[in-house]
Amino acid sequence: MQNLNSTIHAPNRLQICSILSTSAELEFRLIKEQLDVSDSVLSKHLKVLEDAGYVRLKKRSEFGRPRTWISLTSNGRKAFEEHLESLKAIVGNL
């Protein structure tokens, strides 16, 4: 198989990277709503991506409420783009 990234390839993590690739950073709740998953499911996937160095999580308070903001790191953006190229190569061979 091509150079598929097993960390990114899981469907929810692929969607997270895809969503984040369009913005500088997004709030946890927005990503959760887009994926239609629970807090714990999203947290687990973000932990895997964070451990790989692909996402950065920042805690900030807004209107007295804690919020988590997530962004792709430069390594995460590069890994996501390489993964997309591998997927395109596979599909292009059909």
PDB file of N, CA and C in Angstrom:
ATOM      1  N   MET A   1       0.830  -1.169   0.000  1.00  0.00           N
ATOM      2  CA  MET A   1       0.000   0.000   0.000  1.00  0.00           C
ATOM      3  C   MET A   1       0.884   1.245   0.000  1.00  0.00           C
ATOM      4  N   GLN A   2       0.318   2.353  -0.436  1.00  0.00           N
ATOM      5  CA  GLN A   2       1.054   3.617  -0.458  1.00  0.00           C
ATOM      6  C   GLN A   2       1.477   4.002   0.957  1.00  0.00           C
ATOM      7  N   ASN A   3       1.966   5.200   1.128  1.00  0.00           N
ATOM      8  CA  ASN A   3       2.422   5.676   2.429  1.00  0.00           C
ATOM      9  C   ASN A   3       1.268   6.213   3.264  1.00  0.00           C
ATOM     10  N   LEU A   4       0.275   5.373   3.522  1.00  0.00           N
ATOM     11  CA  LEU A   4      -0.848   5.798   4.347  1.00  0.00           C
ATOM     12  C   LEU A   4      -0.382   5.975   5.781  1.00  0.00           C
ATOM     13  N   ASN A   5      -0.851   7.015   6.411  1.00  0.00           N
ATOM     14  CA  ASN A   5      -0.495   7.320   7.784  1.00  0.00           C
ATOM     15  C   ASN A   5      -1.537   6.684   8.695  1.00  0.00           C
ATOM     16  N   SER A   6      -1.160   5.646   9.422  1.00  0.00           N
ATOM     17  CA  SER A   6      -2.119   4.915  10.249  1.00  0.00           C
ATOM     18  C   SER A   6      -2.686   5.771  11.376  1.00  0.00           C
ATOM     19  N   THR A   7      -1.954   6.765  11.811  1.00  0.00           N
ATOM     20  CA  THR A   7      -2.469   7.656  12.853  1.00  0.00           C
ATOM     21  C   THR A   7      -3.601   8.515  12.305  1.00  0.00           C
ATOM     22  N   ILE A   8      -3.447   9.019  11.129  1.00  0.00           N
ATOM     23  CA  ILE A   8      -4.453   9.891  10.517  1.00  0.00           C
ATOM     24  C   ILE A   8      -5.570   9.094   9.856  1.00  0.00           C
ATOM     25  N   HIS A   9      -5.282   7.891   9.386  1.00  0.00           N
ATOM     26  CA  HIS A   9      -6.212   7.143   8.546  1.00  0.00           C
ATOM     27  C   HIS A   9      -7.536   6.771   9.211  1.00  0.00           C
ATOM     28  N   ALA A  10      -7.562   6.626  10.528  1.00  0.00           N
ATOM     29  CA  ALA A  10      -8.826   6.301  11.214  1.00  0.00           C
ATOM     30  C   ALA A  10      -9.867   7.359  10.839  1.00  0.00           C
ATOM     31  N   PRO A  11     -11.084   6.937  10.490  1.00  0.00           N
ATOM     32  CA  PRO A  11     -12.076   7.878   9.954  1.00  0.00           C
ATOM     33  C   PRO A  11     -12.271   9.162  10.768  1.00  0.00           C
ATOM     34  N   ASN A  12     -12.443   9.059  12.082  1.00  0.00           N
ATOM     35  CA  ASN A  12     -12.649  10.278  12.865  1.00  0.00           C
ATOM     36  C   ASN A  12     -11.417  11.172  12.868  1.00  0.00           C
ATOM     37  N   ARG A  13     -10.231  10.579  12.936  1.00  0.00           N
ATOM     38  CA  ARG A  13      -9.014  11.396  12.929  1.00  0.00           C
ATOM     39  C   ARG A  13      -8.797  12.034  11.565  1.00  0.00           C
ATOM     40  N   LEU A  14      -9.141  11.326  10.509  1.00  0.00           N
ATOM     41  CA  LEU A  14      -9.049  11.898   9.166  1.00  0.00           C
ATOM     42  C   LEU A  14      -9.993  13.097   9.043  1.00  0.00           C
ATOM     43  N   GLN A  15     -11.197  12.959   9.582  1.00  0.00           N
ATOM     44  CA  GLN A  15     -12.145  14.075   9.554  1.00  0.00           C
ATOM     45  C   GLN A  15     -11.651  15.240  10.401  1.00  0.00           C
ATOM     46  N   ILE A  16     -11.078  14.962  11.555  1.00  0.00           N
ATOM     47  CA  ILE A  16     -10.546  16.029  12.408  1.00  0.00           C
ATOM     48  C   ILE A  16      -9.482  16.811  11.654  1.00  0.00           C
ATOM     49  N   CYS A  17      -8.550  16.107  11.037  1.00  0.00           N
ATOM     50  CA  CYS A  17      -7.485  16.782  10.282  1.00  0.00           C
ATOM     51  C   CYS A  17      -8.050  17.569   9.115  1.00  0.00           C
ATOM     52  N   SER A  18      -9.040  17.003   8.457  1.00  0.00           N
ATOM     53  CA  SER A  18      -9.657  17.683   7.330  1.00  0.00           C
ATOM     54  C   SER A  18     -10.332  18.978   7.777  1.00  0.00           C
ATOM     55  N   ILE A  19     -11.071  18.917   8.863  1.00  0.00           N
ATOM     56  CA  ILE A  19     -11.746  20.101   9.390  1.00  0.00           C
ATOM     57  C   ILE A  19     -10.723  21.155   9.808  1.00  0.00           C
ATOM     58  N   LEU A  20      -9.685  20.714  10.506  1.00  0.00           N
ATOM     59  CA  LEU A  20      -8.674  21.657  10.997  1.00  0.00           C
ATOM     60  C   LEU A  20      -7.831  22.253   9.872  1.00  0.00           C
ATOM     61  N   SER A  21      -7.715  21.545   8.765  1.00  0.00           N
ATOM     62  CA  SER A  21      -6.872  22.032   7.668  1.00  0.00           C
ATOM     63  C   SER A  21      -7.420  23.304   7.025  1.00  0.00           C
ATOM     64  N   THR A  22      -8.678  23.623   7.301  1.00  0.00           N
ATOM     65  CA  THR A  22      -9.304  24.797   6.694  1.00  0.00           C
ATOM     66  C   THR A  22      -9.279  26.021   7.596  1.00  0.00           C
ATOM     67  N   SER A  23      -8.774  25.872   8.819  1.00  0.00           N
ATOM     68  CA  SER A  23      -8.801  26.974   9.781  1.00  0.00           C
ATOM     69  C   SER A  23      -7.508  27.034  10.576  1.00  0.00           C
ATOM     70  N   ALA A  24      -7.232  28.200  11.126  1.00  0.00           N
ATOM     71  CA  ALA A  24      -6.061  28.334  11.994  1.00  0.00           C
ATOM     72  C   ALA A  24      -6.268  27.538  13.279  1.00  0.00           C
ATOM     73  N   GLU A  25      -7.469  27.616  13.843  1.00  0.00           N
ATOM     74  CA  GLU A  25      -7.818  26.828  15.019  1.00  0.00           C
ATOM     75  C   GLU A  25      -9.333  26.782  15.142  1.00  0.00           C
ATOM     76  N   LEU A  26      -9.810  25.731  15.786  1.00  0.00           N
ATOM     77  CA  LEU A  26     -11.243  25.572  15.991  1.00  0.00           C
ATOM     78  C   LEU A  26     -11.504  25.148  17.429  1.00  0.00           C
ATOM     79  N   GLU A  27     -12.678  25.484  17.915  1.00  0.00           N
ATOM     80  CA  GLU A  27     -13.058  25.144  19.275  1.00  0.00           C
ATOM     81  C   GLU A  27     -13.559  23.698  19.330  1.00  0.00           C
ATOM     82  N   PHE A  28     -13.262  23.020  20.423  1.00  0.00           N
ATOM     83  CA  PHE A  28     -13.605  21.616  20.657  1.00  0.00           C
ATOM     84  C   PHE A  28     -15.067  21.329  20.304  1.00  0.00           C
ATOM     85  N   ARG A  29     -15.969  22.165  20.809  1.00  0.00           N
ATOM     86  CA  ARG A  29     -17.406  21.943  20.609  1.00  0.00           C
ATOM     87  C   ARG A  29     -17.784  21.903  19.132  1.00  0.00           C
ATOM     88  N   LEU A  30     -17.170  22.773  18.334  1.00  0.00           N
ATOM     89  CA  LEU A  30     -17.478  22.807  16.905  1.00  0.00           C
ATOM     90  C   LEU A  30     -17.055  21.500  16.228  1.00  0.00           C
ATOM     91  N   ILE A  31     -15.873  21.023  16.544  1.00  0.00           N
ATOM     92  CA  ILE A  31     -15.402  19.762  15.954  1.00  0.00           C
ATOM     93  C   ILE A  31     -16.296  18.608  16.414  1.00  0.00           C
ATOM     94  N   LYS A  32     -16.656  18.608  17.677  1.00  0.00           N
ATOM     95  CA  LYS A  32     -17.543  17.573  18.219  1.00  0.00           C
ATOM     96  C   LYS A  32     -18.865  17.547  17.456  1.00  0.00           C
ATOM     97  N   GLU A  33     -19.434  18.719  17.201  1.00  0.00           N
ATOM     98  CA  GLU A  33     -20.701  18.797  16.472  1.00  0.00           C
ATOM     99  C   GLU A  33     -20.544  18.326  15.031  1.00  0.00           C
ATOM    100  N   GLN A  34     -19.450  18.684  14.392  1.00  0.00           N
ATOM    101  CA  GLN A  34     -19.211  18.275  13.009  1.00  0.00           C
ATOM    102  C   GLN A  34     -19.091  16.758  12.888  1.00  0.00           C
ATOM    103  N   LEU A  35     -18.419  16.130  13.858  1.00  0.00           N
ATOM    104  CA  LEU A  35     -18.225  14.686  13.826  1.00  0.00           C
ATOM    105  C   LEU A  35     -19.408  13.914  14.412  1.00  0.00           C
ATOM    106  N   ASP A  36     -20.241  14.608  15.178  1.00  0.00           N
ATOM    107  CA  ASP A  36     -21.375  13.983  15.855  1.00  0.00           C
ATOM    108  C   ASP A  36     -20.905  12.833  16.747  1.00  0.00           C
ATOM    109  N   VAL A  37     -19.951  13.155  17.630  1.00  0.00           N
ATOM    110  CA  VAL A  37     -19.408  12.177  18.571  1.00  0.00           C
ATOM    111  C   VAL A  37     -19.492  12.757  19.986  1.00  0.00           C
ATOM    112  N   SER A  38     -19.272  11.906  20.960  1.00  0.00           N
ATOM    113  CA  SER A  38     -19.272  12.348  22.351  1.00  0.00           C
ATOM    114  C   SER A  38     -17.968  13.062  22.689  1.00  0.00           C
ATOM    115  N   ASP A  39     -17.962  13.763  23.817  1.00  0.00           N
ATOM    116  CA  ASP A  39     -16.748  14.424  24.291  1.00  0.00           C
ATOM    117  C   ASP A  39     -15.617  13.420  24.453  1.00  0.00           C
ATOM    118  N   SER A  40     -15.934  12.251  25.034  1.00  0.00           N
ATOM    119  CA  SER A  40     -14.873  11.272  25.305  1.00  0.00           C
ATOM    120  C   SER A  40     -14.285  10.690  24.022  1.00  0.00           C
ATOM    121  N   VAL A  41     -15.121  10.444  23.019  1.00  0.00           N
ATOM    122  CA  VAL A  41     -14.615   9.918  21.745  1.00  0.00           C
ATOM    123  C   VAL A  41     -13.702  10.943  21.089  1.00  0.00           C
ATOM    124  N   LEU A  42     -14.135  12.200  21.044  1.00  0.00           N
ATOM    125  CA  LEU A  42     -13.300  13.238  20.437  1.00  0.00           C
ATOM    126  C   LEU A  42     -12.006  13.407  21.220  1.00  0.00           C
ATOM    127  N   SER A  43     -12.091  13.413  22.534  1.00  0.00           N
ATOM    128  CA  SER A  43     -10.900  13.561  23.375  1.00  0.00           C
ATOM    129  C   SER A  43      -9.879  12.465  23.105  1.00  0.00           C
ATOM    130  N   LYS A  44     -10.346  11.230  22.953  1.00  0.00           N
ATOM    131  CA  LYS A  44      -9.437  10.109  22.691  1.00  0.00           C
ATOM    132  C   LYS A  44      -8.723  10.283  21.350  1.00  0.00           C
ATOM    133  N   HIS A  45      -9.468  10.687  20.330  1.00  0.00           N
ATOM    134  CA  HIS A  45      -8.850  10.885  19.013  1.00  0.00           C
ATOM    135  C   HIS A  45      -7.876  12.063  19.033  1.00  0.00           C
ATOM    136  N   LEU A  46      -8.242  13.123  19.724  1.00  0.00           N
ATOM    137  CA  LEU A  46      -7.336  14.275  19.827  1.00  0.00           C
ATOM    138  C   LEU A  46      -6.065  13.904  20.576  1.00  0.00           C
ATOM    139  N   LYS A  47      -6.177  13.053  21.585  1.00  0.00           N
ATOM    140  CA  LYS A  47      -5.003  12.618  22.347  1.00  0.00           C
ATOM    141  C   LYS A  47      -4.029  11.867  21.442  1.00  0.00           C
ATOM    142  N   VAL A  48      -4.546  10.990  20.589  1.00  0.00           N
ATOM    143  CA  VAL A  48      -3.692  10.253  19.650  1.00  0.00           C
ATOM    144  C   VAL A  48      -2.979  11.224  18.713  1.00  0.00           C
ATOM    145  N   LEU A  49      -3.733  12.179  18.175  1.00  0.00           N
ATOM    146  CA  LEU A  49      -3.141  13.168  17.264  1.00  0.00           C
ATOM    147  C   LEU A  49      -2.149  14.079  17.986  1.00  0.00           C
ATOM    148  N   GLU A  50      -2.458  14.437  19.219  1.00  0.00           N
ATOM    149  CA  GLU A  50      -1.550  15.277  20.000  1.00  0.00           C
ATOM    150  C   GLU A  50      -0.264  14.522  20.331  1.00  0.00           C
ATOM    151  N   ASP A  51      -0.383  13.263  20.724  1.00  0.00           N
ATOM    152  CA  ASP A  51       0.802  12.451  21.040  1.00  0.00           C
ATOM    153  C   ASP A  51       1.709  12.295  19.820  1.00  0.00           C
ATOM    154  N   ALA A  52       1.106  12.282  18.632  1.00  0.00           N
ATOM    155  CA  ALA A  52       1.888  12.174  17.396  1.00  0.00           C
ATOM    156  C   ALA A  52       2.487  13.521  16.985  1.00  0.00           C
ATOM    157  N   GLY A  53       2.102  14.585  17.678  1.00  0.00           N
ATOM    158  CA  GLY A  53       2.601  15.914  17.338  1.00  0.00           C
ATOM    159  C   GLY A  53       1.850  16.563  16.191  1.00  0.00           C
ATOM    160  N   TYR A  54       0.647  16.065  15.912  1.00  0.00           N
ATOM    161  CA  TYR A  54      -0.117  16.568  14.769  1.00  0.00           C
ATOM    162  C   TYR A  54      -1.081  17.691  15.117  1.00  0.00           C
ATOM    163  N   VAL A  55      -1.521  17.751  16.377  1.00  0.00           N
ATOM    164  CA  VAL A  55      -2.411  18.835  16.790  1.00  0.00           C
ATOM    165  C   VAL A  55      -1.889  19.465  18.071  1.00  0.00           C
ATOM    166  N   ARG A  56      -2.308  20.706  18.288  1.00  0.00           N
ATOM    167  CA  ARG A  56      -1.972  21.439  19.505  1.00  0.00           C
ATOM    168  C   ARG A  56      -3.293  21.838  20.153  1.00  0.00           C
ATOM    169  N   LEU A  57      -3.423  21.604  21.437  1.00  0.00           N
ATOM    170  CA  LEU A  57      -4.606  21.987  22.187  1.00  0.00           C
ATOM    171  C   LEU A  57      -4.247  23.133  23.114  1.00  0.00           C
ATOM    172  N   LYS A  58      -5.089  24.156  23.122  1.00  0.00           N
ATOM    173  CA  LYS A  58      -4.891  25.319  23.990  1.00  0.00           C
ATOM    174  C   LYS A  58      -6.166  25.550  24.785  1.00  0.00           C
ATOM    175  N   LYS A  59      -6.017  25.717  26.073  1.00  0.00           N
ATOM    176  CA  LYS A  59      -7.155  26.021  26.948  1.00  0.00           C
ATOM    177  C   LYS A  59      -7.206  27.525  27.156  1.00  0.00           C
ATOM    178  N   ARG A  60      -8.389  28.099  26.922  1.00  0.00           N
ATOM    179  CA  ARG A  60      -8.597  29.529  27.163  1.00  0.00           C
ATOM    180  C   ARG A  60      -9.966  29.697  27.810  1.00  0.00           C
ATOM    181  N   SER A  61     -10.094  30.752  28.555  1.00  0.00           N
ATOM    182  CA  SER A  61     -11.363  31.066  29.192  1.00  0.00           C
ATOM    183  C   SER A  61     -12.070  32.141  28.373  1.00  0.00           C
ATOM    184  N   GLU A  62     -13.343  31.897  28.090  1.00  0.00           N
ATOM    185  CA  GLU A  62     -14.157  32.877  27.380  1.00  0.00           C
ATOM    186  C   GLU A  62     -15.440  33.084  28.171  1.00  0.00           C
ATOM    187  N   PHE A  63     -15.688  34.305  28.536  1.00  0.00           N
ATOM    188  CA  PHE A  63     -16.868  34.642  29.320  1.00  0.00           C
ATOM    189  C   PHE A  63     -16.937  33.794  30.589  1.00  0.00           C
ATOM    190  N   GLY A  64     -15.768  33.551  31.181  1.00  0.00           N
ATOM    191  CA  GLY A  64     -15.689  32.799  32.423  1.00  0.00           C
ATOM    192  C   GLY A  64     -15.794  31.295  32.270  1.00  0.00           C
ATOM    193  N   ARG A  65     -15.881  30.811  31.047  1.00  0.00           N
ATOM    194  CA  ARG A  65     -16.003  29.372  30.811  1.00  0.00           C
ATOM    195  C   ARG A  65     -14.759  28.858  30.092  1.00  0.00           C
ATOM    196  N   PRO A  66     -14.219  27.738  30.566  1.00  0.00           N
ATOM    197  CA  PRO A  66     -13.041  27.182  29.899  1.00  0.00           C
ATOM    198  C   PRO A  66     -13.408  26.602  28.533  1.00  0.00           C
ATOM    199  N   ARG A  67     -12.565  26.846  27.561  1.00  0.00           N
ATOM    200  CA  ARG A  67     -12.753  26.330  26.204  1.00  0.00           C
ATOM    201  C   ARG A  67     -11.429  25.741  25.725  1.00  0.00           C
ATOM    202  N   THR A  68     -11.539  24.705  24.914  1.00  0.00           N
ATOM    203  CA  THR A  68     -10.349  24.101  24.317  1.00  0.00           C
ATOM    204  C   THR A  68     -10.343  24.421  22.830  1.00  0.00           C
ATOM    205  N   TRP A  69      -9.223  24.968  22.379  1.00  0.00           N
ATOM    206  CA  TRP A  69      -9.035  25.305  20.975  1.00  0.00           C
ATOM    207  C   TRP A  69      -7.988  24.362  20.392  1.00  0.00           C
ATOM    208  N   ILE A  70      -8.242  23.869  19.196  1.00  0.00           N
ATOM    209  CA  ILE A  70      -7.378  22.876  18.568  1.00  0.00           C
ATOM    210  C   ILE A  70      -6.887  23.421  17.234  1.00  0.00           C
ATOM    211  N   SER A  71      -5.610  23.166  16.953  1.00  0.00           N
ATOM    212  CA  SER A  71      -5.045  23.550  15.658  1.00  0.00           C
ATOM    213  C   SER A  71      -4.103  22.450  15.177  1.00  0.00           C
ATOM    214  N   LEU A  72      -3.936  22.380  13.867  1.00  0.00           N
ATOM    215  CA  LEU A  72      -2.946  21.471  13.287  1.00  0.00           C
ATOM    216  C   LEU A  72      -1.566  22.084  13.470  1.00  0.00           C
ATOM    217  N   THR A  73      -0.598  21.284  13.823  1.00  0.00           N
ATOM    218  CA  THR A  73       0.789  21.754  13.853  1.00  0.00           C
ATOM    219  C   THR A  73       1.324  21.712  12.426  1.00  0.00           C
ATOM    220  N   SER A  74       2.487  22.275  12.208  1.00  0.00           N
ATOM    221  CA  SER A  74       3.074  22.199  10.861  1.00  0.00           C
ATOM    222  C   SER A  74       3.352  20.739  10.495  1.00  0.00           C
ATOM    223  N   ASN A  75       3.782  19.929  11.462  1.00  0.00           N
ATOM    224  CA  ASN A  75       3.981  18.492  11.198  1.00  0.00           C
ATOM    225  C   ASN A  75       2.661  17.810  10.882  1.00  0.00           C
ATOM    226  N   GLY A  76       1.606  18.198  11.581  1.00  0.00           N
ATOM    227  CA  GLY A  76       0.287  17.623  11.335  1.00  0.00           C
ATOM    228  C   GLY A  76      -0.235  17.969   9.959  1.00  0.00           C
ATOM    229  N   ARG A  77      -0.047  19.222   9.574  1.00  0.00           N
ATOM    230  CA  ARG A  77      -0.497  19.659   8.235  1.00  0.00           C
ATOM    231  C   ARG A  77       0.262  18.892   7.147  1.00  0.00           C
ATOM    232  N   LYS A  78       1.579  18.743   7.339  1.00  0.00           N
ATOM    233  CA  LYS A  78       2.398  18.012   6.362  1.00  0.00           C
ATOM    234  C   LYS A  78       1.974  16.543   6.292  1.00  0.00           C
ATOM    235  N   ALA A  79       1.775  15.911   7.448  1.00  0.00           N
ATOM    236  CA  ALA A  79       1.365  14.502   7.481  1.00  0.00           C
ATOM    237  C   ALA A  79      -0.005  14.322   6.827  1.00  0.00           C
ATOM    238  N   PHE A  80      -0.923  15.251   7.071  1.00  0.00           N
ATOM    239  CA  PHE A  80      -2.252  15.178   6.477  1.00  0.00           C
ATOM    240  C   PHE A  80      -2.166  15.318   4.954  1.00  0.00           C
ATOM    241  N   GLU A  81      -1.391  16.270   4.485  1.00  0.00           N
ATOM    242  CA  GLU A  81      -1.243  16.468   3.041  1.00  0.00           C
ATOM    243  C   GLU A  81      -0.604  15.249   2.379  1.00  0.00           C
ATOM    244  N   GLU A  82       0.403  14.655   3.017  1.00  0.00           N
ATOM    245  CA  GLU A  82       1.027  13.441   2.474  1.00  0.00           C
ATOM    246  C   GLU A  82       0.035  12.280   2.456  1.00  0.00           C
ATOM    247  N   HIS A  83      -0.776  12.177   3.487  1.00  0.00           N
ATOM    248  CA  HIS A  83      -1.787  11.124   3.535  1.00  0.00           C
ATOM    249  C   HIS A  83      -2.802  11.298   2.395  1.00  0.00           C
ATOM    250  N   LEU A  84      -3.221  12.544   2.172  1.00  0.00           N
ATOM    251  CA  LEU A  84      -4.152  12.813   1.072  1.00  0.00           C
ATOM    252  C   LEU A  84      -3.541  12.433  -0.274  1.00  0.00           C
ATOM    253  N   GLU A  85      -2.268  12.744  -0.471  1.00  0.00           N
ATOM    254  CA  GLU A  85      -1.604  12.378  -1.716  1.00  0.00           C
ATOM    255  C   GLU A  85      -1.575  10.862  -1.900  1.00  0.00           C
ATOM    256  N   SER A  86      -1.355  10.143  -0.822  1.00  0.00           N
ATOM    257  CA  SER A  86      -1.361   8.668  -0.890  1.00  0.00           C
ATOM    258  C   SER A  86      -2.745   8.162  -1.255  1.00  0.00           C
ATOM    259  N   LEU A  87      -3.779   8.747  -0.665  1.00  0.00           N
ATOM    260  CA  LEU A  87      -5.146   8.337  -1.005  1.00  0.00           C
ATOM    261  C   LEU A  87      -5.461   8.641  -2.474  1.00  0.00           C
ATOM    262  N   LYS A  88      -5.030   9.797  -2.942  1.00  0.00           N
ATOM    263  CA  LYS A  88      -5.247  10.150  -4.353  1.00  0.00           C
ATOM    264  C   LYS A  88      -4.527   9.174  -5.277  1.00  0.00           C
ATOM    265  N   ALA A  89      -3.329   8.740  -4.897  1.00  0.00           N
ATOM    266  CA  ALA A  89      -2.574   7.792  -5.709  1.00  0.00           C
ATOM    267  C   ALA A  89      -3.303   6.462  -5.795  1.00  0.00           C
ATOM    268  N   ILE A  90      -3.881   6.045  -4.685  1.00  0.00           N
ATOM    269  CA  ILE A  90      -4.620   4.776  -4.673  1.00  0.00           C
ATOM    270  C   ILE A  90      -5.861   4.879  -5.558  1.00  0.00           C
ATOM    271  N   VAL A  91      -6.618   5.934  -5.396  1.00  0.00           N
ATOM    272  CA  VAL A  91      -7.845   6.126  -6.171  1.00  0.00           C
ATOM    273  C   VAL A  91      -7.523   6.318  -7.653  1.00  0.00           C
ATOM    274  N   GLY A  92      -6.410   6.981  -7.929  1.00  0.00           N
ATOM    275  CA  GLY A  92      -6.020   7.219  -9.320  1.00  0.00           C
ATOM    276  C   GLY A  92      -5.648   5.940 -10.050  1.00  0.00           C
ATOM    277  N   ASN A  93      -5.317   4.907  -9.305  1.00  0.00           N
ATOM    278  CA  ASN A  93      -4.935   3.628  -9.917  1.00  0.00           C
ATOM    279  C   ASN A  93      -6.117   2.712 -10.193  1.00  0.00           C
ATOM    280  N   LEU A  94      -7.313   3.141  -9.849  1.00  0.00           N
ATOM    281  CA  LEU A  94      -8.494   2.292 -10.067  1.00  0.00           C
ATOM    282  C   LEU A  94      -8.937   2.300 -11.501  1.00  0.00           C
TER     283      LEU A  94
END
